[in-house]
Structures are given as structure tokens and as C-alpha cells.
PDB file of N, CA and C in Angstrom:
ATOM      1  N   UNK A   1       0.892  -1.452   0.118  1.00  0.00           N
ATOM      2  CA  UNK A   1       0.022   0.534   0.074  1.00  0.00           C
ATOM      3  C   UNK A   1       0.737   1.628   0.034  1.00  0.00           C
ATOM      4  N   UNK A   2       0.875   2.318  -0.745  1.00  0.00           N
ATOM      5  CA  UNK A   2       1.507   3.394  -0.739  1.00  0.00           C
ATOM      6  C   UNK A   2       1.036   4.507   0.426  1.00  0.00           C
ATOM      7  N   UNK A   3       2.115   5.108   0.118  1.00  0.00           N
ATOM      8  CA  UNK A   3       1.929   6.099   1.524  1.00  0.00           C
ATOM      9  C   UNK A   3       0.304   6.839   1.283  1.00  0.00           C
ATOM     10  N   UNK A   4       0.135   7.508   0.164  1.00  0.00           N
ATOM     11  CA  UNK A   4      -1.075   8.189  -0.255  1.00  0.00           C
ATOM     12  C   UNK A   4      -2.437   7.549   0.603  1.00  0.00           C
ATOM     13  N   UNK A   5      -2.442   6.046  -0.217  1.00  0.00           N
ATOM     14  CA  UNK A   5      -3.471   5.099   0.607  1.00  0.00           C
ATOM     15  C   UNK A   5      -3.246   5.073   1.884  1.00  0.00           C
ATOM     16  N   UNK A   6      -2.144   4.599   2.783  1.00  0.00           N
ATOM     17  CA  UNK A   6      -2.198   4.343   4.327  1.00  0.00           C
ATOM     18  C   UNK A   6      -2.431   5.791   5.167  1.00  0.00           C
ATOM     19  N   UNK A   7      -2.243   7.036   4.463  1.00  0.00           N
ATOM     20  CA  UNK A   7      -2.807   8.205   4.979  1.00  0.00           C
ATOM     21  C   UNK A   7      -4.177   8.085   5.017  1.00  0.00           C
ATOM     22  N   UNK A   8      -4.921   8.061   3.946  1.00  0.00           N
ATOM     23  CA  UNK A   8      -6.215   8.195   3.871  1.00  0.00           C
ATOM     24  C   UNK A   8      -7.145   7.093   4.408  1.00  0.00           C
ATOM     25  N   UNK A   9      -6.596   6.176   3.999  1.00  0.00           N
ATOM     26  CA  UNK A   9      -7.190   5.398   5.307  1.00  0.00           C
ATOM     27  C   UNK A   9      -7.107   6.090   6.906  1.00  0.00           C
ATOM     28  N   UNK A  10      -5.760   6.335   7.448  1.00  0.00           N
ATOM     29  CA  UNK A  10      -5.731   6.388   8.935  1.00  0.00           C
ATOM     30  C   UNK A  10      -6.964   7.685   8.661  1.00  0.00           C
ATOM     31  N   UNK A  11      -6.568   8.679   8.009  1.00  0.00           N
ATOM     32  CA  UNK A  11      -7.119   9.796   7.851  1.00  0.00           C
ATOM     33  C   UNK A  11      -9.039   9.347   8.198  1.00  0.00           C
ATOM     34  N   UNK A  12      -9.113   9.100   7.455  1.00  0.00           N
ATOM     35  CA  UNK A  12     -11.153   8.462   7.605  1.00  0.00           C
ATOM     36  C   UNK A  12     -11.006   7.433   9.192  1.00  0.00           C
ATOM     37  N   UNK A  13      -9.973   7.053   9.640  1.00  0.00           N
ATOM     38  CA  UNK A  13     -10.670   6.004  10.969  1.00  0.00           C
ATOM     39  C   UNK A  13     -10.642   6.950  11.872  1.00  0.00           C
ATOM     40  N   UNK A  14      -9.065   8.715  11.994  1.00  0.00           N
ATOM     41  CA  UNK A  14      -9.785   9.488  12.909  1.00  0.00           C
ATOM     42  C   UNK A  14     -10.747  10.548  12.831  1.00  0.00           C
ATOM     43  N   UNK A  15     -10.101  10.846  12.114  1.00  0.00           N
ATOM     44  CA  UNK A  15     -11.497  12.475  11.836  1.00  0.00           C
ATOM     45  C   UNK A  15     -12.796  11.731  11.703  1.00  0.00           C
ATOM     46  N   UNK A  16     -13.334  10.087  12.134  1.00  0.00           N
ATOM     47  CA  UNK A  16     -14.653  10.452  12.247  1.00  0.00           C
ATOM     48  C   UNK A  16     -15.121  10.015  14.180  1.00  0.00           C
ATOM     49  N   UNK A  17     -13.513  10.312  15.191  1.00  0.00           N
ATOM     50  CA  UNK A  17     -13.944  11.036  15.720  1.00  0.00           C
ATOM     51  C   UNK A  17     -14.694  12.377  16.579  1.00  0.00           C
ATOM     52  N   UNK A  18     -15.171  12.097  17.524  1.00  0.00           N
ATOM     53  CA  UNK A  18     -15.558  13.180  17.853  1.00  0.00           C
ATOM     54  C   UNK A  18     -14.814  14.859  18.166  1.00  0.00           C
ATOM     55  N   UNK A  19     -15.110  15.907  17.497  1.00  0.00           N
ATOM     56  CA  UNK A  19     -14.088  16.832  17.749  1.00  0.00           C
ATOM     57  C   UNK A  19     -12.433  16.680  17.101  1.00  0.00           C
ATOM     58  N   UNK A  20     -11.862  15.543  16.534  1.00  0.00           N
ATOM     59  CA  UNK A  20     -11.082  15.662  16.335  1.00  0.00           C
ATOM     60  C   UNK A  20     -10.192  16.206  14.914  1.00  0.00           C
ATOM     61  N   UNK A  21      -9.101  16.134  15.201  1.00  0.00           N
ATOM     62  CA  UNK A  21      -8.647  17.688  13.701  1.00  0.00           C
ATOM     63  C   UNK A  21      -7.138  16.738  13.766  1.00  0.00           C
ATOM     64  N   UNK A  22      -6.970  17.714  12.814  1.00  0.00           N
ATOM     65  CA  UNK A  22      -5.267  16.872  11.655  1.00  0.00           C
ATOM     66  C   UNK A  22      -5.034  17.636  11.672  1.00  0.00           C
ATOM     67  N   UNK A  23      -3.576  17.902  11.553  1.00  0.00           N
ATOM     68  CA  UNK A  23      -2.827  18.929  11.475  1.00  0.00           C
ATOM     69  C   UNK A  23      -1.138  18.010  10.904  1.00  0.00           C
ATOM     70  N   UNK A  24      -0.196  18.990  10.599  1.00  0.00           N
ATOM     71  CA  UNK A  24       1.065  18.359  10.228  1.00  0.00           C
ATOM     72  C   UNK A  24       1.970  19.114  11.725  1.00  0.00           C
ATOM     73  N   UNK A  25       2.746  17.717  12.175  1.00  0.00           N
ATOM     74  CA  UNK A  25       3.424  18.010  12.933  1.00  0.00           C
ATOM     75  C   UNK A  25       4.985  17.154  12.059  1.00  0.00           C
ATOM     76  N   UNK A  26       5.911  17.583  12.484  1.00  0.00           N
ATOM     77  CA  UNK A  26       7.273  17.536  12.086  1.00  0.00           C
ATOM     78  C   UNK A  26       6.855  17.144  10.478  1.00  0.00           C
ATOM     79  N   UNK A  27       6.166  17.218  10.067  1.00  0.00           N
ATOM     80  CA  UNK A  27       6.657  17.531   8.582  1.00  0.00           C
ATOM     81  C   UNK A  27       5.171  15.520   8.120  1.00  0.00           C
ATOM     82  N   UNK A  28       4.023  15.401   9.473  1.00  0.00           N
ATOM     83  CA  UNK A  28       4.130  14.268   8.935  1.00  0.00           C
ATOM     84  C   UNK A  28       2.194  14.069   9.523  1.00  0.00           C
ATOM     85  N   UNK A  29       1.524  13.938   9.436  1.00  0.00           N
ATOM     86  CA  UNK A  29      -0.445  13.293   9.333  1.00  0.00           C
ATOM     87  C   UNK A  29      -0.252  12.907  11.155  1.00  0.00           C
ATOM     88  N   UNK A  30      -0.600  14.628  11.955  1.00  0.00           N
ATOM     89  CA  UNK A  30      -0.868  14.160  13.226  1.00  0.00           C
ATOM     90  C   UNK A  30      -2.375  14.291  13.768  1.00  0.00           C
ATOM     91  N   UNK A  31      -2.640  13.402  14.525  1.00  0.00           N
ATOM     92  CA  UNK A  31      -4.903  13.375  14.746  1.00  0.00           C
ATOM     93  C   UNK A  31      -4.350  14.204  16.201  1.00  0.00           C
ATOM     94  N   UNK A  32      -5.541  15.046  16.572  1.00  0.00           N
ATOM     95  CA  UNK A  32      -5.940  15.886  18.022  1.00  0.00           C
ATOM     96  C   UNK A  32      -6.989  15.455  18.676  1.00  0.00           C
ATOM     97  N   UNK A  33      -7.110  15.675  19.532  1.00  0.00           N
ATOM     98  CA  UNK A  33      -8.571  15.891  20.264  1.00  0.00           C
ATOM     99  C   UNK A  33      -8.367  17.182  20.208  1.00  0.00           C
ATOM    100  N   UNK A  34      -9.860  17.914  19.946  1.00  0.00           N
ATOM    101  CA  UNK A  34     -10.304  19.002  20.006  1.00  0.00           C
ATOM    102  C   UNK A  34      -8.665  20.294  19.603  1.00  0.00           C
ATOM    103  N   UNK A  35      -8.152  19.926  18.818  1.00  0.00           N
ATOM    104  CA  UNK A  35      -7.451  20.334  18.272  1.00  0.00           C
ATOM    105  C   UNK A  35      -5.664  20.662  19.081  1.00  0.00           C
ATOM    106  N   UNK A  36      -6.107  20.205  20.334  1.00  0.00           N
ATOM    107  CA  UNK A  36      -4.943  20.364  21.726  1.00  0.00           C
ATOM    108  C   UNK A  36      -3.845  18.992  21.902  1.00  0.00           C
ATOM    109  N   UNK A  37      -4.668  18.194  22.141  1.00  0.00           N
ATOM    110  CA  UNK A  37      -3.787  16.883  22.315  1.00  0.00           C
ATOM    111  C   UNK A  37      -3.644  15.748  21.717  1.00  0.00           C
ATOM    112  N   UNK A  38      -2.392  15.434  21.212  1.00  0.00           N
ATOM    113  CA  UNK A  38      -1.848  14.555  20.124  1.00  0.00           C
ATOM    114  C   UNK A  38      -3.008  13.381  21.006  1.00  0.00           C
ATOM    115  N   UNK A  39      -3.307  12.098  19.389  1.00  0.00           N
ATOM    116  CA  UNK A  39      -3.694  10.746  20.027  1.00  0.00           C
ATOM    117  C   UNK A  39      -2.780  10.229  19.248  1.00  0.00           C
ATOM    118  N   UNK A  40      -2.753  10.693  18.177  1.00  0.00           N
ATOM    119  CA  UNK A  40      -2.217   9.568  17.270  1.00  0.00           C
ATOM    120  C   UNK A  40      -1.038   9.906  15.734  1.00  0.00           C
ATOM    121  N   UNK A  41      -0.097   9.576  15.497  1.00  0.00           N
ATOM    122  CA  UNK A  41       1.363  10.204  14.961  1.00  0.00           C
ATOM    123  C   UNK A  41       1.006   9.206  14.156  1.00  0.00           C
ATOM    124  N   UNK A  42       0.916   9.755  12.363  1.00  0.00           N
ATOM    125  CA  UNK A  42       1.023   8.566  10.881  1.00  0.00           C
ATOM    126  C   UNK A  42       2.653   8.960  10.900  1.00  0.00           C
ATOM    127  N   UNK A  43       3.761   8.474  10.349  1.00  0.00           N
ATOM    128  CA  UNK A  43       4.729   8.454   9.809  1.00  0.00           C
ATOM    129  C   UNK A  43       4.178   7.279   8.398  1.00  0.00           C
ATOM    130  N   UNK A  44       4.114   7.794   7.357  1.00  0.00           N
ATOM    131  CA  UNK A  44       3.446   7.133   5.806  1.00  0.00           C
ATOM    132  C   UNK A  44       5.241   6.738   5.619  1.00  0.00           C
ATOM    133  N   UNK A  45       6.444   7.253   5.748  1.00  0.00           N
ATOM    134  CA  UNK A  45       7.288   7.335   4.705  1.00  0.00           C
ATOM    135  C   UNK A  45       8.582   6.445   5.905  1.00  0.00           C
ATOM    136  N   UNK A  46       8.172   6.644   7.162  1.00  0.00           N
ATOM    137  CA  UNK A  46       9.242   6.114   7.875  1.00  0.00           C
ATOM    138  C   UNK A  46       9.750   7.335   9.013  1.00  0.00           C
ATOM    139  N   UNK A  47      10.086   6.907  10.177  1.00  0.00           N
ATOM    140  CA  UNK A  47      11.210   7.617  10.881  1.00  0.00           C
ATOM    141  C   UNK A  47      11.779   7.132  11.781  1.00  0.00           C
ATOM    142  N   UNK A  48      13.356   8.409  11.604  1.00  0.00           N
ATOM    143  CA  UNK A  48      14.459   7.937  12.202  1.00  0.00           C
ATOM    144  C   UNK A  48      14.674   6.092  11.928  1.00  0.00           C
ATOM    145  N   UNK A  49      14.786   5.484  12.477  1.00  0.00           N
ATOM    146  CA  UNK A  49      15.308   4.161  12.716  1.00  0.00           C
ATOM    147  C   UNK A  49      14.393   3.301  12.066  1.00  0.00           C
ATOM    148  N   UNK A  50      13.364   3.414  11.565  1.00  0.00           N
ATOM    149  CA  UNK A  50      11.990   2.188  11.573  1.00  0.00           C
ATOM    150  C   UNK A  50      11.493   3.109  10.172  1.00  0.00           C
ATOM    151  N   UNK A  51      12.329   2.519   9.428  1.00  0.00           N
ATOM    152  CA  UNK A  51      11.804   2.804   7.987  1.00  0.00           C
ATOM    153  C   UNK A  51      10.895   2.272   6.702  1.00  0.00           C
ATOM    154  N   UNK A  52       9.980   2.210   7.615  1.00  0.00           N
ATOM    155  CA  UNK A  52       8.975   1.707   7.068  1.00  0.00           C
ATOM    156  C   UNK A  52       7.758   2.484   7.276  1.00  0.00           C
ATOM    157  N   UNK A  53       6.385   2.726   7.158  1.00  0.00           N
ATOM    158  CA  UNK A  53       5.268   3.288   7.215  1.00  0.00           C
ATOM    159  C   UNK A  53       4.497   3.035   8.945  1.00  0.00           C
ATOM    160  N   UNK A  54       4.257   3.556   9.727  1.00  0.00           N
ATOM    161  CA  UNK A  54       4.289   3.248  10.975  1.00  0.00           C
ATOM    162  C   UNK A  54       3.018   4.189  11.704  1.00  0.00           C
ATOM    163  N   UNK A  55       1.880   4.064  12.898  1.00  0.00           N
ATOM    164  CA  UNK A  55       1.849   5.119  13.555  1.00  0.00           C
ATOM    165  C   UNK A  55       2.084   4.850  14.924  1.00  0.00           C
ATOM    166  N   UNK A  56       1.926   6.139  15.536  1.00  0.00           N
ATOM    167  CA  UNK A  56       2.200   6.039  16.843  1.00  0.00           C
ATOM    168  C   UNK A  56       1.271   6.438  17.630  1.00  0.00           C
ATOM    169  N   UNK A  57       0.760   5.727  18.514  1.00  0.00           N
ATOM    170  CA  UNK A  57      -1.031   5.689  19.095  1.00  0.00           C
ATOM    171  C   UNK A  57      -0.725   6.157  20.573  1.00  0.00           C
ATOM    172  N   UNK A  58      -0.770   6.752  21.639  1.00  0.00           N
ATOM    173  CA  UNK A  58      -1.835   6.703  22.441  1.00  0.00           C
ATOM    174  C   UNK A  58      -2.136   5.347  23.310  1.00  0.00           C
ATOM    175  N   UNK A  59      -1.929   5.055  24.599  1.00  0.00           N
ATOM    176  CA  UNK A  59      -2.273   4.241  25.174  1.00  0.00           C
ATOM    177  C   UNK A  59      -2.737   4.214  26.170  1.00  0.00           C
ATOM    178  N   UNK A  60      -4.155   3.103  26.708  1.00  0.00           N
ATOM    179  CA  UNK A  60      -3.955   2.978  27.865  1.00  0.00           C
ATOM    180  C   UNK A  60      -2.992   2.457  28.372  1.00  0.00           C
ATOM    181  N   UNK A  61      -2.549   2.717  30.091  1.00  0.00           N
ATOM    182  CA  UNK A  61      -1.654   1.464  30.589  1.00  0.00           C
ATOM    183  C   UNK A  61      -1.797   0.002  30.881  1.00  0.00           C
ATOM    184  N   UNK A  62       0.027  -0.184  30.460  1.00  0.00           N
ATOM    185  CA  UNK A  62      -0.484  -1.133  30.359  1.00  0.00           C
ATOM    186  C   UNK A  62      -0.549  -2.025  29.162  1.00  0.00           C
ATOM    187  N   UNK A  63      -1.099  -1.459  27.795  1.00  0.00           N
ATOM    188  CA  UNK A  63      -1.113  -1.831  26.739  1.00  0.00           C
ATOM    189  C   UNK A  63       0.013  -1.892  25.986  1.00  0.00           C
ATOM    190  N   UNK A  64       1.006  -0.724  26.338  1.00  0.00           N
ATOM    191  CA  UNK A  64       2.262  -1.356  25.215  1.00  0.00           C
ATOM    192  C   UNK A  64       2.929  -2.251  25.550  1.00  0.00           C
ATOM    193  N   UNK A  65       3.260  -2.659  26.882  1.00  0.00           N
ATOM    194  CA  UNK A  65       3.859  -3.921  27.203  1.00  0.00           C
ATOM    195  C   UNK A  65       2.740  -5.154  26.738  1.00  0.00           C
ATOM    196  N   UNK A  66       2.235  -5.135  26.928  1.00  0.00           N
ATOM    197  CA  UNK A  66       0.883  -6.018  26.603  1.00  0.00           C
ATOM    198  C   UNK A  66       1.238  -6.508  24.660  1.00  0.00           C
ATOM    199  N   UNK A  67       0.874  -5.552  24.331  1.00  0.00           N
ATOM    200  CA  UNK A  67       1.074  -5.475  22.769  1.00  0.00           C
ATOM    201  C   UNK A  67       2.066  -6.514  22.179  1.00  0.00           C
ATOM    202  N   UNK A  68       3.323  -5.411  22.920  1.00  0.00           N
ATOM    203  CA  UNK A  68       4.778  -5.897  22.405  1.00  0.00           C
ATOM    204  C   UNK A  68       4.983  -7.278  22.605  1.00  0.00           C
ATOM    205  N   UNK A  69       5.167  -7.252  23.398  1.00  0.00           N
ATOM    206  CA  UNK A  69       5.085  -8.713  24.150  1.00  0.00           C
ATOM    207  C   UNK A  69       4.308 -10.112  23.395  1.00  0.00           C
ATOM    208  N   UNK A  70       2.963  -9.726  22.774  1.00  0.00           N
ATOM    209  CA  UNK A  70       2.296 -10.343  22.147  1.00  0.00           C
ATOM    210  C   UNK A  70       2.474 -10.549  20.545  1.00  0.00           C
ATOM    211  N   UNK A  71       2.928  -9.390  19.845  1.00  0.00           N
ATOM    212  CA  UNK A  71       3.464  -9.305  18.945  1.00  0.00           C
ATOM    213  C   UNK A  71       4.770  -8.438  18.439  1.00  0.00           C
ATOM    214  N   UNK A  72       6.272  -8.804  18.935  1.00  0.00           N
ATOM    215  CA  UNK A  72       7.124  -7.500  18.708  1.00  0.00           C
ATOM    216  C   UNK A  72       7.523  -7.538  17.068  1.00  0.00           C
ATOM    217  N   UNK A  73       7.202  -8.737  16.197  1.00  0.00           N
ATOM    218  CA  UNK A  73       6.935  -7.945  14.619  1.00  0.00           C
ATOM    219  C   UNK A  73       6.827  -6.498  14.252  1.00  0.00           C
ATOM    220  N   UNK A  74       5.401  -6.529  14.884  1.00  0.00           N
ATOM    221  CA  UNK A  74       4.409  -5.767  14.734  1.00  0.00           C
ATOM    222  C   UNK A  74       4.473  -4.352  15.272  1.00  0.00           C
ATOM    223  N   UNK A  75       4.485  -4.651  16.500  1.00  0.00           N
ATOM    224  CA  UNK A  75       4.494  -3.445  17.722  1.00  0.00           C
ATOM    225  C   UNK A  75       5.262  -2.811  18.113  1.00  0.00           C
ATOM    226  N   UNK A  76       5.932  -1.973  18.888  1.00  0.00           N
ATOM    227  CA  UNK A  76       7.223  -1.719  18.640  1.00  0.00           C
ATOM    228  C   UNK A  76       7.087  -0.260  20.110  1.00  0.00           C
ATOM    229  N   UNK A  77       8.014   0.139  21.218  1.00  0.00           N
ATOM    230  CA  UNK A  77       8.407   1.188  21.582  1.00  0.00           C
ATOM    231  C   UNK A  77       8.670   2.644  20.579  1.00  0.00           C
ATOM    232  N   UNK A  78       7.428   3.781  20.800  1.00  0.00           N
ATOM    233  CA  UNK A  78       8.776   4.321  19.928  1.00  0.00           C
ATOM    234  C   UNK A  78       9.370   5.724  20.281  1.00  0.00           C
ATOM    235  N   UNK A  79      10.004   6.466  19.518  1.00  0.00           N
ATOM    236  CA  UNK A  79      11.303   6.825  20.039  1.00  0.00           C
ATOM    237  C   UNK A  79      10.328   7.735  20.482  1.00  0.00           C
ATOM    238  N   UNK A  80      10.057   9.083  22.215  1.00  0.00           N
ATOM    239  CA  UNK A  80       9.849  10.280  22.516  1.00  0.00           C
ATOM    240  C   UNK A  80       9.128  10.126  22.861  1.00  0.00           C
ATOM    241  N   UNK A  81       8.159   9.379  22.660  1.00  0.00           N
ATOM    242  CA  UNK A  81       6.334   9.023  23.243  1.00  0.00           C
ATOM    243  C   UNK A  81       6.723   7.607  24.101  1.00  0.00           C
ATOM    244  N   UNK A  82       7.533   6.681  23.706  1.00  0.00           N
ATOM    245  CA  UNK A  82       6.987   5.324  24.578  1.00  0.00           C
ATOM    246  C   UNK A  82       6.774   5.468  25.736  1.00  0.00           C
ATOM    247  N   UNK A  83       7.633   6.490  26.166  1.00  0.00           N
ATOM    248  CA  UNK A  83       8.036   6.759  27.748  1.00  0.00           C
ATOM    249  C   UNK A  83       6.538   6.970  28.632  1.00  0.00           C
ATOM    250  N   UNK A  84       5.558   7.366  27.897  1.00  0.00           N
ATOM    251  CA  UNK A  84       4.283   7.581  28.280  1.00  0.00           C
ATOM    252  C   UNK A  84       3.073   6.409  28.143  1.00  0.00           C
ATOM    253  N   UNK A  85       3.265   5.542  27.178  1.00  0.00           N
ATOM    254  CA  UNK A  85       3.315   4.016  27.182  1.00  0.00           C
ATOM    255  C   UNK A  85       2.040   4.170  25.924  1.00  0.00           C
ATOM    256  N   UNK A  86       2.796   5.475  24.511  1.00  0.00           N
ATOM    257  CA  UNK A  86       2.322   5.031  23.994  1.00  0.00           C
ATOM    258  C   UNK A  86       3.056   3.960  22.668  1.00  0.00           C
ATOM    259  N   UNK A  87       2.257   3.301  21.586  1.00  0.00           N
ATOM    260  CA  UNK A  87       2.485   1.791  21.516  1.00  0.00           C
ATOM    261  C   UNK A  87       2.727   2.874  19.653  1.00  0.00           C
ATOM    262  N   UNK A  88       4.032   1.844  19.207  1.00  0.00           N
ATOM    263  CA  UNK A  88       4.399   2.209  17.406  1.00  0.00           C
ATOM    264  C   UNK A  88       3.799   0.564  17.202  1.00  0.00           C
ATOM    265  N   UNK A  89       2.930   1.269  15.457  1.00  0.00           N
ATOM    266  CA  UNK A  89       2.283   0.151  14.924  1.00  0.00           C
ATOM    267  C   UNK A  89       2.800  -0.079  13.667  1.00  0.00           C
ATOM    268  N   UNK A  90       3.115  -0.637  13.007  1.00  0.00           N
ATOM    269  CA  UNK A  90       3.713  -1.338  11.859  1.00  0.00           C
ATOM    270  C   UNK A  90       2.807  -1.431  10.658  1.00  0.00           C
ATOM    271  N   UNK A  91       2.464  -0.766   9.531  1.00  0.00           N
ATOM    272  CA  UNK A  91       1.672  -0.482   8.515  1.00  0.00           C
ATOM    273  C   UNK A  91       2.448  -1.202   7.524  1.00  0.00           C
ATOM    274  N   UNK A  92       2.845  -2.001   7.537  1.00  0.00           N
ATOM    275  CA  UNK A  92       4.178  -2.505   6.118  1.00  0.00           C
ATOM    276  C   UNK A  92       3.750  -3.677   6.371  1.00  0.00           C
ATOM    277  N   UNK A  93       2.648  -4.463   6.695  1.00  0.00           N
ATOM    278  CA  UNK A  93       2.376  -5.900   6.856  1.00  0.00           C
ATOM    279  C   UNK A  93       1.399  -6.448   6.937  1.00  0.00           C
ATOM    280  N   UNK A  94       0.755  -5.531   5.420  1.00  0.00           N
ATOM    281  CA  UNK A  94      -1.056  -5.997   5.084  1.00  0.00           C
ATOM    282  C   UNK A  94      -1.534  -5.664   6.679  1.00  0.00           C
ATOM    283  N   UNK A  95      -1.623  -4.303   7.139  1.00  0.00           N
ATOM    284  CA  UNK A  95      -2.528  -4.307   8.480  1.00  0.00           C
ATOM    285  C   UNK A  95      -3.949  -4.488   8.358  1.00  0.00           C
ATOM    286  N   UNK A  96      -4.554  -5.371   9.636  1.00  0.00           N
ATOM    287  CA  UNK A  96      -5.827  -5.221  10.295  1.00  0.00           C
ATOM    288  C   UNK A  96      -6.281  -3.786  10.224  1.00  0.00           C
ATOM    289  N   UNK A  97      -7.034  -3.201   9.514  1.00  0.00           N
ATOM    290  CA  UNK A  97      -7.742  -2.308   9.190  1.00  0.00           C
ATOM    291  C   UNK A  97      -8.674  -1.987  10.576  1.00  0.00           C
ATOM    292  N   UNK A  98      -9.050  -3.106  10.980  1.00  0.00           N
ATOM    293  CA  UNK A  98     -10.286  -3.380  11.667  1.00  0.00           C
ATOM    294  C   UNK A  98      -9.501  -3.245  13.073  1.00  0.00           C
ATOM    295  N   UNK A  99      -8.458  -3.612  13.059  1.00  0.00           N
ATOM    296  CA  UNK A  99      -7.192  -3.604  14.213  1.00  0.00           C
ATOM    297  C   UNK A  99      -6.615  -2.017  14.469  1.00  0.00           C
ATOM    298  N   UNK A 100      -6.797  -1.089  13.689  1.00  0.00           N
ATOM    299  CA  UNK A 100      -5.934  -0.220  13.111  1.00  0.00           C
ATOM    300  C   UNK A 100      -6.787   0.948  13.975  1.00  0.00           C
ATOM    301  N   UNK A 101      -8.125   0.944  13.355  1.00  0.00           N
ATOM    302  CA  UNK A 101      -9.286   1.514  13.784  1.00  0.00           C
ATOM    303  C   UNK A 101      -9.337   1.852  15.341  1.00  0.00           C
ATOM    304  N   UNK A 102      -9.294   0.384  15.674  1.00  0.00           N
ATOM    305  CA  UNK A 102      -9.464  -0.088  17.743  1.00  0.00           C
ATOM    306  C   UNK A 102      -8.547   1.118  18.152  1.00  0.00           C
ATOM    307  N   UNK A 103      -7.355   1.239  17.565  1.00  0.00           N
ATOM    308  CA  UNK A 103      -5.992   1.605  18.287  1.00  0.00           C
ATOM    309  C   UNK A 103      -5.761   2.704  18.037  1.00  0.00           C
ATOM    310  N   UNK A 104      -6.619   2.841  17.265  1.00  0.00           N
ATOM    311  CA  UNK A 104      -7.104   4.764  16.778  1.00  0.00           C
ATOM    312  C   UNK A 104      -7.938   5.281  17.784  1.00  0.00           C
ATOM    313  N   UNK A 105      -8.943   4.741  17.838  1.00  0.00           N
ATOM    314  CA  UNK A 105     -10.436   4.423  19.085  1.00  0.00           C
ATOM    315  C   UNK A 105      -9.836   5.176  20.474  1.00  0.00           C
ATOM    316  N   UNK A 106      -9.149   3.524  20.039  1.00  0.00           N
ATOM    317  CA  UNK A 106      -8.512   2.803  21.854  1.00  0.00           C
ATOM    318  C   UNK A 106      -7.107   4.948  22.792  1.00  0.00           C
ATOM    319  N   UNK A 107      -6.733   5.187  22.094  1.00  0.00           N
ATOM    320  CA  UNK A 107      -5.826   6.418  21.491  1.00  0.00           C
ATOM    321  C   UNK A 107      -6.985   7.637  22.045  1.00  0.00           C
ATOM    322  N   UNK A 108      -7.393   8.035  20.815  1.00  0.00           N
ATOM    323  CA  UNK A 108      -8.606   8.888  21.054  1.00  0.00           C
ATOM    324  C   UNK A 108      -8.906   8.543  22.433  1.00  0.00           C
ATOM    325  N   UNK A 109      -9.489   7.464  23.015  1.00  0.00           N
ATOM    326  CA  UNK A 109     -10.435   7.106  24.548  1.00  0.00           C
ATOM    327  C   UNK A 109      -9.100   7.701  25.662  1.00  0.00           C
ATOM    328  N   UNK A 110      -8.072   7.047  25.537  1.00  0.00           N
ATOM    329  CA  UNK A 110      -7.163   7.892  26.761  1.00  0.00           C
ATOM    330  C   UNK A 110      -6.752   8.796  26.857  1.00  0.00           C
ATOM    331  N   UNK A 111      -7.381   9.823  25.406  1.00  0.00           N
ATOM    332  CA  UNK A 111      -6.941  11.452  25.997  1.00  0.00           C
ATOM    333  C   UNK A 111      -8.255  12.149  26.174  1.00  0.00           C
ATOM    334  N   UNK A 112      -9.308  11.635  25.785  1.00  0.00           N
ATOM    335  CA  UNK A 112     -10.332  12.811  25.359  1.00  0.00           C
ATOM    336  C   UNK A 112     -11.213  13.252  26.363  1.00  0.00           C
ATOM    337  N   UNK A 113     -11.891  14.521  26.725  1.00  0.00           N
ATOM    338  CA  UNK A 113     -12.540  14.119  27.629  1.00  0.00           C
ATOM    339  C   UNK A 113     -14.047  13.540  27.951  1.00  0.00           C
ATOM    340  N   UNK A 114     -14.557  13.272  29.352  1.00  0.00           N
ATOM    341  CA  UNK A 114     -16.106  12.183  29.687  1.00  0.00           C
ATOM    342  C   UNK A 114     -16.783  12.751  27.735  1.00  0.00           C
ATOM    343  N   UNK A 115     -16.901  14.220  28.178  1.00  0.00           N
ATOM    344  CA  UNK A 115     -18.398  14.690  27.397  1.00  0.00           C
ATOM    345  C   UNK A 115     -17.989  13.833  25.341  1.00  0.00           C
ATOM    346  N   UNK A 116     -16.460  13.914  24.785  1.00  0.00           N
ATOM    347  CA  UNK A 116     -16.352  13.419  24.087  1.00  0.00           C
ATOM    348  C   UNK A 116     -16.343  11.818  23.552  1.00  0.00           C
ATOM    349  N   UNK A 117     -16.180  11.037  25.011  1.00  0.00           N
ATOM    350  CA  UNK A 117     -16.427  10.007  24.438  1.00  0.00           C
ATOM    351  C   UNK A 117     -18.005   9.248  25.103  1.00  0.00           C
ATOM    352  N   UNK A 118     -18.555   9.965  25.903  1.00  0.00           N
ATOM    353  CA  UNK A 118     -19.992   9.894  25.810  1.00  0.00           C
ATOM    354  C   UNK A 118     -21.013  10.362  24.577  1.00  0.00           C
ATOM    355  N   UNK A 119     -20.173  11.238  23.890  1.00  0.00           N
ATOM    356  CA  UNK A 119     -20.827  11.439  22.108  1.00  0.00           C
ATOM    357  C   UNK A 119     -20.484  10.329  21.621  1.00  0.00           C
ATOM    358  N   UNK A 120     -18.997   9.770  21.727  1.00  0.00           N
ATOM    359  CA  UNK A 120     -18.582   8.567  20.669  1.00  0.00           C
ATOM    360  C   UNK A 120     -19.407   7.081  21.059  1.00  0.00           C
ATOM    361  N   UNK A 121     -19.742   6.913  22.478  1.00  0.00           N
ATOM    362  CA  UNK A 121     -20.394   5.615  22.398  1.00  0.00           C
ATOM    363  C   UNK A 121     -22.249   6.007  22.096  1.00  0.00           C
ATOM    364  N   UNK A 122     -21.935   7.318  21.701  1.00  0.00           N
ATOM    365  CA  UNK A 122     -23.691   7.091  21.153  1.00  0.00           C
ATOM    366  C   UNK A 122     -23.284   7.500  19.637  1.00  0.00           C
ATOM    367  N   UNK A 123     -22.186   7.159  19.396  1.00  0.00           N
ATOM    368  CA  UNK A 123     -21.670   7.175  18.028  1.00  0.00           C
ATOM    369  C   UNK A 123     -22.565   6.086  17.577  1.00  0.00           C
ATOM    370  N   UNK A 124     -22.316   5.050  18.075  1.00  0.00           N
ATOM    371  CA  UNK A 124     -21.835   3.855  18.155  1.00  0.00           C
ATOM    372  C   UNK A 124     -23.296   2.511  18.085  1.00  0.00           C
TER     373      UNK A 124
END
């Protein structure tokens, strides 16, 4: 899958969340709750030592360790935000887009205020 298609899919997933916004951060698409708290960072062409398309997602406590232990070929501890529990996920190995959507929603839920979580639950 090329970088444009990957970006479009991630954009579609993230922008369906209530009051989610997108803007460039460090030259790559990033997604924010109400334009303030970043919940997903997309690196469609890779970043630093990870020269493959991937996401960095905010995650609930313990999730990073759990995912990496379960599948270290697909999940990793990203630089800069890994110490805060964020998880990196590769997008170059035929990703399960339903799972990617769940990871992005979990990232949103990790940082969004209760009012937006209520709206999200009402959408489902």
C-alpha cells in the first residue's frame, strides 16, 4: 500500500472521532482531540530507525507492554513518546484495518474528555 492510501485510511479512521482534527507535526499527519491533545501520529514514509510506514498511538496503561509482548514483529516502543505508554504499530505488513481503527479509537479514548467519550459511545 502506498503512502497516500495509508494516509487516507488513517485520516478516515481518526477524523470520524468526535472533534478530532488533523494537522502536520514534524512534517507528518498528526491527529488531535479538539486541536490540542495529540492521540495518533502517522509516519507514512517511516521515521528515524523505523524506515517503514507506521503509527504512534496513545495507549491505556499496560497496553504498550502487552501488545509488544504478544507481537514484537508488529508493535514497538516508539521514540519520544514510548516512555508515556504510547505504542508503535507497523503498517507495512498487510495491517488489519479493523484492528488499526480500534487502536486509534483507544488512543482517542485515552486522552479525550468524558463529554467526547459520551458522544463517541452514542455514535456506536
